Amino acid sequence: MILRRAPDVLYAPVPVDTDRIRRQLNIVLVVAILDALLLVPLVYGFVTDSEVHKEILGPIHGIGFLTLLYLTARGAGERLWGWWFPAVVVITLGPPGSIVGDLVVRSKLRA
């Protein structure tokens, strides 16, 4: 039995919609900046052992993190960028990885 490779027509590259990618990145960037702004007082609350900061801002930061993870995973699933983007979000716990990933994808769009 001889196995043959399928015709290259099946592997044609998907056209890149740069405007759509930029719109998705804008959403990711806005959520990342908001989550980063919440992260600063949250870290302050942990350093000063303030229960009010932790109890209020902790869950809000968690929702921001899950939103960033969802947005980047959805973009990877839609092949707007690679699965490295949500992985970086998980490793850096949210905003830093989202902002770095945003910069990387935008630089590839310019090239």
Protein backbone atom coordinates (compact mmCIF):
# COMPACT_ATOMS: atom_id res chain seq x y z
CA MET A 1 0.00 0.00 0.00
CA ILE A 2 1.40 3.36 -1.04
CA LEU A 3 0.40 6.42 0.93
CA ARG A 4 0.18 9.59 -1.06
CA ARG A 5 0.18 13.10 0.18
CA ALA A 6 -3.03 15.05 -0.27
CA PRO A 7 -2.99 17.79 -2.89
CA ASP A 8 -1.54 21.13 -1.81
CA VAL A 9 -4.93 22.72 -2.35
CA LEU A 10 -5.95 21.42 1.08
CA TYR A 11 -3.01 23.20 2.68
CA ALA A 12 -3.49 26.60 1.09
CA PRO A 13 -2.55 29.47 3.42
CA VAL A 14 -5.41 31.31 5.06
CA PRO A 15 -5.52 35.01 4.15
CA VAL A 16 -4.59 37.22 7.07
CA ASP A 17 -7.15 39.84 8.11
CA THR A 18 -4.84 42.33 9.81
CA ASP A 19 -7.68 44.68 10.75
CA ARG A 20 -9.45 41.88 12.63
CA ILE A 21 -6.24 40.92 14.41
CA ARG A 22 -5.63 44.53 15.43
CA ARG A 23 -9.20 44.86 16.77
CA GLN A 24 -8.76 41.72 18.87
CA LEU A 25 -5.37 42.94 20.10
CA ASN A 26 -6.91 46.29 21.07
CA ILE A 27 -9.42 44.46 23.27
CA VAL A 28 -6.67 42.34 24.83
CA LEU A 29 -4.55 45.45 25.46
CA VAL A 30 -7.39 47.40 27.13
CA VAL A 31 -8.20 44.48 29.44
CA ALA A 32 -4.48 43.99 30.19
CA ILE A 33 -3.98 47.65 31.10
CA LEU A 34 -7.06 47.68 33.34
CA ASP A 35 -5.94 44.46 35.00
CA ALA A 36 -2.42 45.86 35.47
CA LEU A 37 -3.84 48.97 37.10
CA LEU A 38 -5.75 46.74 39.53
CA LEU A 39 -2.66 44.65 40.16
CA VAL A 40 -0.69 47.55 41.66
CA PRO A 41 -3.05 48.17 44.63
CA LEU A 42 -3.52 44.42 45.00
CA VAL A 43 0.23 43.91 45.45
CA TYR A 44 0.25 46.87 47.85
CA GLY A 45 -2.51 45.13 49.82
CA PHE A 46 -0.45 41.97 50.08
CA VAL A 47 2.66 43.85 51.15
CA THR A 48 0.80 45.81 53.83
CA ASP A 49 -1.41 42.84 54.73
CA SER A 50 -4.58 44.83 54.02
CA GLU A 51 -7.59 42.51 53.97
CA VAL A 52 -9.75 45.13 52.24
CA HIS A 53 -7.39 45.27 49.24
CA LYS A 54 -7.18 41.50 49.00
CA GLU A 55 -10.88 40.79 49.44
CA ILE A 56 -12.08 43.38 46.95
CA LEU A 57 -9.33 43.55 44.34
CA GLY A 58 -8.32 39.86 44.39
CA PRO A 59 -11.50 38.55 42.74
CA ILE A 60 -11.57 41.46 40.28
CA HIS A 61 -8.00 40.69 39.24
CA GLY A 62 -8.98 37.02 38.91
CA ILE A 63 -11.80 37.93 36.54
CA GLY A 64 -9.39 40.10 34.55
CA PHE A 65 -6.90 37.23 34.33
CA LEU A 66 -9.57 34.78 33.16
CA THR A 67 -10.79 37.32 30.60
CA LEU A 68 -7.26 37.75 29.23
CA LEU A 69 -6.80 34.00 29.08
CA TYR A 70 -10.13 33.60 27.25
CA LEU A 71 -9.39 36.37 24.75
CA THR A 72 -5.92 35.11 23.91
CA ALA A 73 -7.06 31.46 23.71
CA ARG A 74 -9.96 32.45 21.46
CA GLY A 75 -7.55 34.33 19.18
CA ALA A 76 -5.26 31.31 19.07
CA GLY A 77 -8.21 29.04 18.30
CA GLU A 78 -9.20 31.35 15.45
CA ARG A 79 -5.57 31.25 14.25
CA LEU A 80 -5.06 34.97 14.70
CA TRP A 81 -1.85 34.17 16.62
CA GLY A 82 -0.19 31.10 18.08
CA TRP A 83 -0.89 29.18 21.28
CA TRP A 84 2.26 30.71 22.75
CA PHE A 85 0.20 33.85 23.52
CA PRO A 86 -2.20 32.27 26.07
CA ALA A 87 0.75 30.28 27.46
CA VAL A 88 2.64 33.53 28.14
CA VAL A 89 -0.48 34.95 29.81
CA VAL A 90 -0.62 31.94 32.15
CA ILE A 91 3.10 31.98 32.94
CA THR A 92 3.18 35.71 33.74
CA LEU A 93 -0.20 35.65 35.52
CA GLY A 94 -1.93 38.07 33.20
CA PRO A 95 -1.11 41.63 32.24
CA PRO A 96 2.66 41.46 31.65
CA GLY A 97 2.38 38.52 29.25
CA SER A 98 -0.62 40.06 27.52
CA ILE A 99 1.18 43.30 26.87
CA VAL A 100 4.35 41.54 25.67
CA GLY A 101 2.29 39.22 23.44
CA ASP A 102 0.43 42.20 22.03
CA LEU A 103 3.72 43.89 21.12
CA VAL A 104 5.07 40.71 19.50
CA VAL A 105 1.98 40.13 17.36
CA ARG A 106 1.80 43.80 16.33
CA SER A 107 5.47 43.76 15.30
CA LYS A 108 4.82 40.68 13.14
CA LEU A 109 1.88 42.45 11.50
CA ARG A 110 4.13 45.37 10.53
CA ALA A 111 6.76 43.09 8.99
